[in-house]
Amino acid sequence: MFRPFLVRVVAAAQVTHRPLALSNGYYTRALTDKASSSSSRHSVISSLTKTCPSCGTILPTALPVCPNCNYIARIHDSISYHDILGLPYEPNPFVVDAALLKRRFIEAQRVSHPDAWATKSEFQRDVALHVSNTLNAAYKALSSPLHRIEYILQRNGLMTAEADPLEDPELISEIMEVREEIEAGDIERIRILEEDNDNKIREVVNAVTKSVAEKKWEETKVAAVRLKYLNGIADAIKQRLDNI
């Protein structure tokens, strides 16, 4: 019973998209916004609490979702993905415990997944879908080092894009040569290229960890672009190996 649910929610997290949060701000009041399809007003929580705002029961996750009284609320964009999944943002939001992240994600989806609210009201089902999609986006952003650093940069006012260029001519030349070798090389050579690229990815991740800790955002963005290109090489190597 549990494993099919686990597969569904983790798989869904890889494809669901949600606009990234842009602020670290927290508020103590509940906001409201008008639903686009009706005139009803939906509660939006902008500050996460450990107890249910409705019945006072201790909540099982960081989410505003209470299985005891069936309370559920939308999550304001000001709340970070780290907070949504019960992970520390400070002192370094780039440092994430992967095992804890996955466990918190599964726990949160267990109480908020639309399947768990299928027999509730239309309003509750709609909010459950919103919360579940938010969780999927949070998991996707934090489970990948590249997506994680792009999310952190966006929260600090720096956007990254697919077209962001590399500004290191030597690295550009090296990447072009590696891609040619991937296409022409035998499996032994490709394995060597894979190991070399993995080492470079680890070096960049270590550099990002340091620059984020020091809040050097421009330096972090340069490293993020480098990481994106190295990830592209990793994908090309995997595809080539799959086709051999």
C-alpha atoms as a PDB file:
ATOM      1  CA  MET A   1       0.000   0.000   0.000  1.00  0.00           C
ATOM      2  CA  PHE A   2       2.717   2.462   0.958  1.00  0.00           C
ATOM      3  CA  ARG A   3       5.246   1.786  -1.812  1.00  0.00           C
ATOM      4  CA  PRO A   4       2.945   2.630  -4.786  1.00  0.00           C
ATOM      5  CA  PHE A   5       2.033   5.883  -3.010  1.00  0.00           C
ATOM      6  CA  LEU A   6       5.738   6.641  -2.465  1.00  0.00           C
ATOM      7  CA  VAL A   7       6.504   6.056  -6.137  1.00  0.00           C
ATOM      8  CA  ARG A   8       3.615   8.303  -7.234  1.00  0.00           C
ATOM      9  CA  VAL A   9       4.471  11.276  -5.054  1.00  0.00           C
ATOM     10  CA  VAL A  10       8.228  11.190  -5.722  1.00  0.00           C
ATOM     11  CA  ALA A  11       7.653  10.848  -9.460  1.00  0.00           C
ATOM     12  CA  ALA A  12       5.162  13.715  -9.425  1.00  0.00           C
ATOM     13  CA  ALA A  13       7.712  15.933  -7.716  1.00  0.00           C
ATOM     14  CA  GLN A  14      10.029  15.617 -10.689  1.00  0.00           C
ATOM     15  CA  VAL A  15       7.574  17.169 -13.142  1.00  0.00           C
ATOM     16  CA  THR A  16       5.426  19.616 -11.178  1.00  0.00           C
ATOM     17  CA  HIS A  17       6.327  23.285 -11.507  1.00  0.00           C
ATOM     18  CA  ARG A  18       5.480  26.211  -9.296  1.00  0.00           C
ATOM     19  CA  PRO A  19       6.825  29.780  -9.316  1.00  0.00           C
ATOM     20  CA  LEU A  20       9.696  30.040  -6.874  1.00  0.00           C
ATOM     21  CA  ALA A  21       9.368  32.072  -3.693  1.00  0.00           C
ATOM     22  CA  LEU A  22      11.122  35.427  -3.827  1.00  0.00           C
ATOM     23  CA  SER A  23      11.236  36.512  -0.207  1.00  0.00           C
ATOM     24  CA  ASN A  24      12.356  35.296   3.202  1.00  0.00           C
ATOM     25  CA  GLY A  25       9.698  37.393   4.913  1.00  0.00           C
ATOM     26  CA  TYR A  26       7.277  35.932   7.434  1.00  0.00           C
ATOM     27  CA  TYR A  27       4.024  37.342   8.736  1.00  0.00           C
ATOM     28  CA  THR A  28       1.882  36.487  11.694  1.00  0.00           C
ATOM     29  CA  ARG A  29      -1.490  36.925  10.062  1.00  0.00           C
ATOM     30  CA  ALA A  30      -3.396  34.763   7.613  1.00  0.00           C
ATOM     31  CA  LEU A  31      -3.846  36.367   4.200  1.00  0.00           C
ATOM     32  CA  THR A  32      -6.752  35.781   1.845  1.00  0.00           C
ATOM     33  CA  ASP A  33      -6.967  35.757  -1.927  1.00  0.00           C
ATOM     34  CA  LYS A  34      -9.943  35.423  -4.224  1.00  0.00           C
ATOM     35  CA  ALA A  35     -10.284  32.130  -6.031  1.00  0.00           C
ATOM     36  CA  SER A  36     -10.091  32.663  -9.782  1.00  0.00           C
ATOM     37  CA  SER A  37     -13.094  30.441 -10.467  1.00  0.00           C
ATOM     38  CA  SER A  38     -15.467  31.721  -7.810  1.00  0.00           C
ATOM     39  CA  SER A  39     -16.158  34.559  -5.421  1.00  0.00           C
ATOM     40  CA  SER A  40     -15.198  32.522  -2.338  1.00  0.00           C
ATOM     41  CA  ARG A  41     -12.218  33.610  -0.284  1.00  0.00           C
ATOM     42  CA  HIS A  42      -9.420  31.119   0.393  1.00  0.00           C
ATOM     43  CA  SER A  43      -7.284  31.199   3.516  1.00  0.00           C
ATOM     44  CA  VAL A  44      -3.578  31.578   2.806  1.00  0.00           C
ATOM     45  CA  ILE A  45      -1.123  30.872   5.608  1.00  0.00           C
ATOM     46  CA  SER A  46       1.935  33.115   5.613  1.00  0.00           C
ATOM     47  CA  SER A  47       3.440  31.834   8.874  1.00  0.00           C
ATOM     48  CA  LEU A  48       3.859  28.151   9.663  1.00  0.00           C
ATOM     49  CA  THR A  49       2.963  27.026  13.172  1.00  0.00           C
ATOM     50  CA  LYS A  50       3.510  23.793  15.101  1.00  0.00           C
ATOM     51  CA  THR A  51      -0.124  23.584  16.167  1.00  0.00           C
ATOM     52  CA  CYS A  52      -3.339  23.615  14.175  1.00  0.00           C
ATOM     53  CA  PRO A  53      -4.857  27.134  13.930  1.00  0.00           C
ATOM     54  CA  SER A  54      -8.307  25.534  14.088  1.00  0.00           C
ATOM     55  CA  CYS A  55      -8.220  22.896  16.862  1.00  0.00           C
ATOM     56  CA  GLY A  56      -4.831  23.438  18.523  1.00  0.00           C
ATOM     57  CA  THR A  57      -3.577  19.897  17.880  1.00  0.00           C
ATOM     58  CA  ILE A  58       0.160  19.486  17.273  1.00  0.00           C
ATOM     59  CA  LEU A  59       0.603  19.158  13.502  1.00  0.00           C
ATOM     60  CA  PRO A  60       2.379  16.044  12.133  1.00  0.00           C
ATOM     61  CA  THR A  61       4.397  18.060   9.598  1.00  0.00           C
ATOM     62  CA  ALA A  62       5.429  21.655   8.940  1.00  0.00           C
ATOM     63  CA  LEU A  63       2.382  22.100   6.701  1.00  0.00           C
ATOM     64  CA  PRO A  64      -0.864  23.863   7.663  1.00  0.00           C
ATOM     65  CA  VAL A  65      -2.668  20.505   7.392  1.00  0.00           C
ATOM     66  CA  CYS A  66      -4.451  18.869  10.325  1.00  0.00           C
ATOM     67  CA  PRO A  67      -5.755  15.294  10.008  1.00  0.00           C
ATOM     68  CA  ASN A  68      -7.494  15.689  13.375  1.00  0.00           C
ATOM     69  CA  CYS A  69     -10.011  18.341  12.298  1.00  0.00           C
ATOM     70  CA  ASN A  70      -9.467  18.340   8.505  1.00  0.00           C
ATOM     71  CA  TYR A  71      -8.075  21.865   8.507  1.00  0.00           C
ATOM     72  CA  ILE A  72      -5.986  22.724   5.441  1.00  0.00           C
ATOM     73  CA  ALA A  73      -4.764  26.047   4.065  1.00  0.00           C
ATOM     74  CA  ARG A  74      -2.838  27.388   1.108  1.00  0.00           C
ATOM     75  CA  ILE A  75       0.823  28.342   1.580  1.00  0.00           C
ATOM     76  CA  HIS A  76       1.967  31.886   0.859  1.00  0.00           C
ATOM     77  CA  ASP A  77       4.900  32.295  -1.540  1.00  0.00           C
ATOM     78  CA  SER A  78       6.914  34.131   1.120  1.00  0.00           C
ATOM     79  CA  ILE A  79       7.466  30.839   2.956  1.00  0.00           C
ATOM     80  CA  SER A  80      10.654  29.126   1.820  1.00  0.00           C
ATOM     81  CA  TYR A  81      10.762  25.614   0.431  1.00  0.00           C
ATOM     82  CA  HIS A  82      13.071  24.720   3.312  1.00  0.00           C
ATOM     83  CA  ASP A  83      10.453  25.741   5.872  1.00  0.00           C
ATOM     84  CA  ILE A  84       7.704  23.915   3.979  1.00  0.00           C
ATOM     85  CA  LEU A  85       9.717  20.706   4.261  1.00  0.00           C
ATOM     86  CA  GLY A  86      10.892  21.366   7.814  1.00  0.00           C
ATOM     87  CA  LEU A  87      14.547  21.895   6.842  1.00  0.00           C
ATOM     88  CA  PRO A  88      16.897  24.619   8.115  1.00  0.00           C
ATOM     89  CA  TYR A  89      17.497  27.572   5.784  1.00  0.00           C
ATOM     90  CA  GLU A  90      20.257  29.098   7.874  1.00  0.00           C
ATOM     91  CA  PRO A  91      23.202  29.142   8.147  1.00  0.00           C
ATOM     92  CA  ASN A  92      23.559  27.676   4.632  1.00  0.00           C
ATOM     93  CA  PRO A  93      20.460  26.906   2.524  1.00  0.00           C
ATOM     94  CA  PHE A  94      22.567  25.003  -0.025  1.00  0.00           C
ATOM     95  CA  VAL A  95      23.439  22.323   2.539  1.00  0.00           C
ATOM     96  CA  VAL A  96      20.552  19.833   2.541  1.00  0.00           C
ATOM     97  CA  ASP A  97      20.378  16.367   4.079  1.00  0.00           C
ATOM     98  CA  ALA A  98      19.066  14.342   1.107  1.00  0.00           C
ATOM     99  CA  ALA A  99      17.709  11.479   3.221  1.00  0.00           C
ATOM    100  CA  LEU A 100      15.908  13.847   5.587  1.00  0.00           C
ATOM    101  CA  LEU A 101      14.537  15.835   2.642  1.00  0.00           C
ATOM    102  CA  LYS A 102      12.999  12.729   1.086  1.00  0.00           C
ATOM    103  CA  ARG A 103      11.560  11.557   4.410  1.00  0.00           C
ATOM    104  CA  ARG A 104       9.976  14.935   5.160  1.00  0.00           C
ATOM    105  CA  PHE A 105       8.560  15.092   1.640  1.00  0.00           C
ATOM    106  CA  ILE A 106       6.900  11.688   1.944  1.00  0.00           C
ATOM    107  CA  GLU A 107       5.519  12.522   5.398  1.00  0.00           C
ATOM    108  CA  ALA A 108       4.086  15.793   4.100  1.00  0.00           C
ATOM    109  CA  GLN A 109       2.529  14.226   1.012  1.00  0.00           C
ATOM    110  CA  ARG A 110       0.933  11.533   3.166  1.00  0.00           C
ATOM    111  CA  VAL A 111      -1.263  14.157   4.880  1.00  0.00           C
ATOM    112  CA  SER A 112      -1.790  16.539   1.964  1.00  0.00           C
ATOM    113  CA  HIS A 113      -1.926  14.413  -1.198  1.00  0.00           C
ATOM    114  CA  PRO A 114      -5.240  14.906  -3.070  1.00  0.00           C
ATOM    115  CA  ASP A 115      -6.006  11.186  -2.667  1.00  0.00           C
ATOM    116  CA  ALA A 116      -6.192  11.721   1.091  1.00  0.00           C
ATOM    117  CA  TRP A 117      -8.800  14.490   0.574  1.00  0.00           C
ATOM    118  CA  ALA A 118     -10.850  12.814  -2.167  1.00  0.00           C
ATOM    119  CA  THR A 119     -13.981  12.535   0.012  1.00  0.00           C
ATOM    120  CA  LYS A 120     -13.784  16.078   1.419  1.00  0.00           C
ATOM    121  CA  SER A 121     -15.378  19.274   0.138  1.00  0.00           C
ATOM    122  CA  GLU A 122     -14.492  20.810  -3.216  1.00  0.00           C
ATOM    123  CA  PHE A 123     -12.736  23.652  -1.406  1.00  0.00           C
ATOM    124  CA  GLN A 124     -10.601  21.240   0.636  1.00  0.00           C
ATOM    125  CA  ARG A 125      -9.747  19.192  -2.454  1.00  0.00           C
ATOM    126  CA  ASP A 126      -8.692  22.355  -4.277  1.00  0.00           C
ATOM    127  CA  VAL A 127      -6.456  23.458  -1.404  1.00  0.00           C
ATOM    128  CA  ALA A 128      -4.976  19.951  -1.068  1.00  0.00           C
ATOM    129  CA  LEU A 129      -4.008  20.070  -4.748  1.00  0.00           C
ATOM    130  CA  HIS A 130      -2.325  23.446  -4.199  1.00  0.00           C
ATOM    131  CA  VAL A 131      -0.394  22.180  -1.167  1.00  0.00           C
ATOM    132  CA  SER A 132       0.624  18.978  -2.942  1.00  0.00           C
ATOM    133  CA  ASN A 133       1.867  20.893  -6.000  1.00  0.00           C
ATOM    134  CA  THR A 134       3.811  23.224  -3.739  1.00  0.00           C
ATOM    135  CA  LEU A 135       5.451  20.230  -2.066  1.00  0.00           C
ATOM    136  CA  ASN A 136       6.346  18.719  -5.437  1.00  0.00           C
ATOM    137  CA  ALA A 137       7.976  21.977  -6.520  1.00  0.00           C
ATOM    138  CA  ALA A 138       9.856  22.255  -3.224  1.00  0.00           C
ATOM    139  CA  TYR A 139      11.168  18.700  -3.469  1.00  0.00           C
ATOM    140  CA  LYS A 140      12.230  19.174  -7.093  1.00  0.00           C
ATOM    141  CA  ALA A 141      14.055  22.406  -6.253  1.00  0.00           C
ATOM    142  CA  LEU A 142      15.876  21.130  -3.173  1.00  0.00           C
ATOM    143  CA  SER A 143      16.733  17.579  -4.293  1.00  0.00           C
ATOM    144  CA  SER A 144      18.956  18.721  -7.181  1.00  0.00           C
ATOM    145  CA  PRO A 145      22.088  20.789  -6.440  1.00  0.00           C
ATOM    146  CA  LEU A 146      21.583  22.798  -9.643  1.00  0.00           C
ATOM    147  CA  HIS A 147      17.886  23.499  -9.028  1.00  0.00           C
ATOM    148  CA  ARG A 148      18.661  24.249  -5.383  1.00  0.00           C
ATOM    149  CA  ILE A 149      21.241  26.912  -6.177  1.00  0.00           C
ATOM    150  CA  GLU A 150      18.984  28.440  -8.846  1.00  0.00           C
ATOM    151  CA  TYR A 151      16.208  28.659  -6.239  1.00  0.00           C
ATOM    152  CA  ILE A 152      18.519  30.236  -3.646  1.00  0.00           C
ATOM    153  CA  LEU A 153      19.815  32.750  -6.195  1.00  0.00           C
ATOM    154  CA  GLN A 154      16.259  33.704  -7.147  1.00  0.00           C
ATOM    155  CA  ARG A 155      15.367  34.272  -3.499  1.00  0.00           C
ATOM    156  CA  ASN A 156      18.310  36.651  -3.375  1.00  0.00           C
ATOM    157  CA  GLY A 157      17.367  38.576  -6.498  1.00  0.00           C
ATOM    158  CA  LEU A 158      19.534  36.850  -9.116  1.00  0.00           C
ATOM    159  CA  MET A 159      17.855  34.970 -11.940  1.00  0.00           C
ATOM    160  CA  THR A 160      19.457  32.241 -14.022  1.00  0.00           C
ATOM    161  CA  ALA A 161      18.399  31.294 -17.528  1.00  0.00           C
ATOM    162  CA  GLU A 162      18.996  28.535 -20.068  1.00  0.00           C
ATOM    163  CA  ALA A 163      20.915  30.986 -22.252  1.00  0.00           C
ATOM    164  CA  ASP A 164      23.325  32.161 -19.539  1.00  0.00           C
ATOM    165  CA  PRO A 165      26.750  31.990 -21.217  1.00  0.00           C
ATOM    166  CA  LEU A 166      29.989  30.618 -19.846  1.00  0.00           C
ATOM    167  CA  GLU A 167      32.601  33.346 -19.507  1.00  0.00           C
ATOM    168  CA  ASP A 168      35.586  31.000 -19.298  1.00  0.00           C
ATOM    169  CA  PRO A 169      37.029  30.458 -22.833  1.00  0.00           C
ATOM    170  CA  GLU A 170      39.195  27.585 -21.631  1.00  0.00           C
ATOM    171  CA  LEU A 171      36.204  25.780 -20.143  1.00  0.00           C
ATOM    172  CA  ILE A 172      34.120  26.391 -23.278  1.00  0.00           C
ATOM    173  CA  SER A 173      36.846  24.810 -25.406  1.00  0.00           C
ATOM    174  CA  GLU A 174      37.152  21.900 -22.987  1.00  0.00           C
ATOM    175  CA  ILE A 175      33.396  21.244 -23.030  1.00  0.00           C
ATOM    176  CA  MET A 176      33.331  21.205 -26.840  1.00  0.00           C
ATOM    177  CA  GLU A 177      36.211  18.723 -26.938  1.00  0.00           C
ATOM    178  CA  VAL A 178      34.576  16.478 -24.343  1.00  0.00           C
ATOM    179  CA  ARG A 179      31.295  16.421 -26.247  1.00  0.00           C
ATOM    180  CA  GLU A 180      33.152  15.374 -29.413  1.00  0.00           C
ATOM    181  CA  GLU A 181      34.882  12.589 -27.471  1.00  0.00           C
ATOM    182  CA  ILE A 182      31.576  11.413 -26.054  1.00  0.00           C
ATOM    183  CA  GLU A 183      30.210  10.954 -29.557  1.00  0.00           C
ATOM    184  CA  ALA A 184      33.313   9.215 -30.938  1.00  0.00           C
ATOM    185  CA  GLY A 185      34.792   7.426 -27.924  1.00  0.00           C
ATOM    186  CA  ASP A 186      34.517   3.789 -26.912  1.00  0.00           C
ATOM    187  CA  ILE A 187      32.994   2.725 -23.594  1.00  0.00           C
ATOM    188  CA  GLU A 188      36.330   2.735 -21.744  1.00  0.00           C
ATOM    189  CA  ARG A 189      37.086   6.310 -22.806  1.00  0.00           C
ATOM    190  CA  ILE A 190      33.558   7.447 -21.962  1.00  0.00           C
ATOM    191  CA  ARG A 191      33.869   5.959 -18.462  1.00  0.00           C
ATOM    192  CA  ILE A 192      37.044   7.981 -17.954  1.00  0.00           C
ATOM    193  CA  LEU A 193      35.268  11.133 -19.130  1.00  0.00           C
ATOM    194  CA  GLU A 194      32.393  10.359 -16.759  1.00  0.00           C
ATOM    195  CA  GLU A 195      34.689  10.053 -13.748  1.00  0.00           C
ATOM    196  CA  ASP A 196      36.527  13.251 -14.671  1.00  0.00           C
ATOM    197  CA  ASN A 197      33.243  15.158 -15.081  1.00  0.00           C
ATOM    198  CA  ASP A 198      31.904  13.831 -11.764  1.00  0.00           C
ATOM    199  CA  ASN A 199      35.025  15.150 -10.035  1.00  0.00           C
ATOM    200  CA  LYS A 200      34.512  18.575 -11.612  1.00  0.00           C
ATOM    201  CA  ILE A 201      30.878  18.629 -10.481  1.00  0.00           C
ATOM    202  CA  ARG A 202      31.976  17.855  -6.911  1.00  0.00           C
ATOM    203  CA  GLU A 203      34.501  20.713  -7.061  1.00  0.00           C
ATOM    204  CA  VAL A 204      31.831  23.164  -8.225  1.00  0.00           C
ATOM    205  CA  VAL A 205      29.364  21.989  -5.574  1.00  0.00           C
ATOM    206  CA  ASN A 206      32.018  22.539  -2.900  1.00  0.00           C
ATOM    207  CA  ALA A 207      32.704  26.015  -4.298  1.00  0.00           C
ATOM    208  CA  VAL A 208      28.976  26.836  -4.256  1.00  0.00           C
ATOM    209  CA  THR A 209      28.675  25.637  -0.658  1.00  0.00           C
ATOM    210  CA  LYS A 210      31.415  28.079   0.335  1.00  0.00           C
ATOM    211  CA  SER A 211      30.144  31.049  -1.691  1.00  0.00           C
ATOM    212  CA  VAL A 212      26.574  30.632  -0.414  1.00  0.00           C
ATOM    213  CA  ALA A 213      27.831  30.502   3.176  1.00  0.00           C
ATOM    214  CA  GLU A 214      29.642  33.782   2.528  1.00  0.00           C
ATOM    215  CA  LYS A 215      26.632  35.221   0.638  1.00  0.00           C
ATOM    216  CA  LYS A 216      28.749  35.984  -2.435  1.00  0.00           C
ATOM    217  CA  TRP A 217      25.849  35.828  -4.858  1.00  0.00           C
ATOM    218  CA  GLU A 218      27.564  36.952  -8.079  1.00  0.00           C
ATOM    219  CA  GLU A 219      30.289  34.386  -7.507  1.00  0.00           C
ATOM    220  CA  THR A 220      27.622  31.797  -6.784  1.00  0.00           C
ATOM    221  CA  LYS A 221      25.816  32.572 -10.040  1.00  0.00           C
ATOM    222  CA  VAL A 222      29.019  32.061 -12.058  1.00  0.00           C
ATOM    223  CA  ALA A 223      29.473  28.685 -10.376  1.00  0.00           C
ATOM    224  CA  ALA A 224      25.813  27.806 -11.042  1.00  0.00           C
ATOM    225  CA  VAL A 225      26.283  28.404 -14.773  1.00  0.00           C
ATOM    226  CA  ARG A 226      29.376  26.186 -14.721  1.00  0.00           C
ATOM    227  CA  LEU A 227      27.432  23.493 -12.883  1.00  0.00           C
ATOM    228  CA  LYS A 228      24.659  23.662 -15.484  1.00  0.00           C
ATOM    229  CA  TYR A 229      27.101  22.949 -18.298  1.00  0.00           C
ATOM    230  CA  LEU A 230      28.792  20.128 -16.400  1.00  0.00           C
ATOM    231  CA  ASN A 231      25.374  18.598 -15.730  1.00  0.00           C
ATOM    232  CA  GLY A 232      24.758  18.790 -19.468  1.00  0.00           C
ATOM    233  CA  ILE A 233      27.910  16.747 -20.076  1.00  0.00           C
ATOM    234  CA  ALA A 234      26.775  14.212 -17.467  1.00  0.00           C
ATOM    235  CA  ASP A 235      23.449  13.858 -19.280  1.00  0.00           C
ATOM    236  CA  ALA A 236      25.206  13.423 -22.633  1.00  0.00           C
ATOM    237  CA  ILE A 237      27.467  10.729 -21.187  1.00  0.00           C
ATOM    238  CA  LYS A 238      24.500   8.861 -19.709  1.00  0.00           C
ATOM    239  CA  GLN A 239      22.621   8.992 -22.991  1.00  0.00           C
ATOM    240  CA  ARG A 240      25.693   7.733 -24.903  1.00  0.00           C
ATOM    241  CA  LEU A 241      26.226   4.859 -22.470  1.00  0.00           C
ATOM    242  CA  ASP A 242      22.538   3.912 -22.683  1.00  0.00           C
ATOM    243  CA  ASN A 243      22.864   3.659 -26.464  1.00  0.00           C
ATOM    244  CA  ILE A 244      26.051   1.583 -26.549  1.00  0.00           C
END
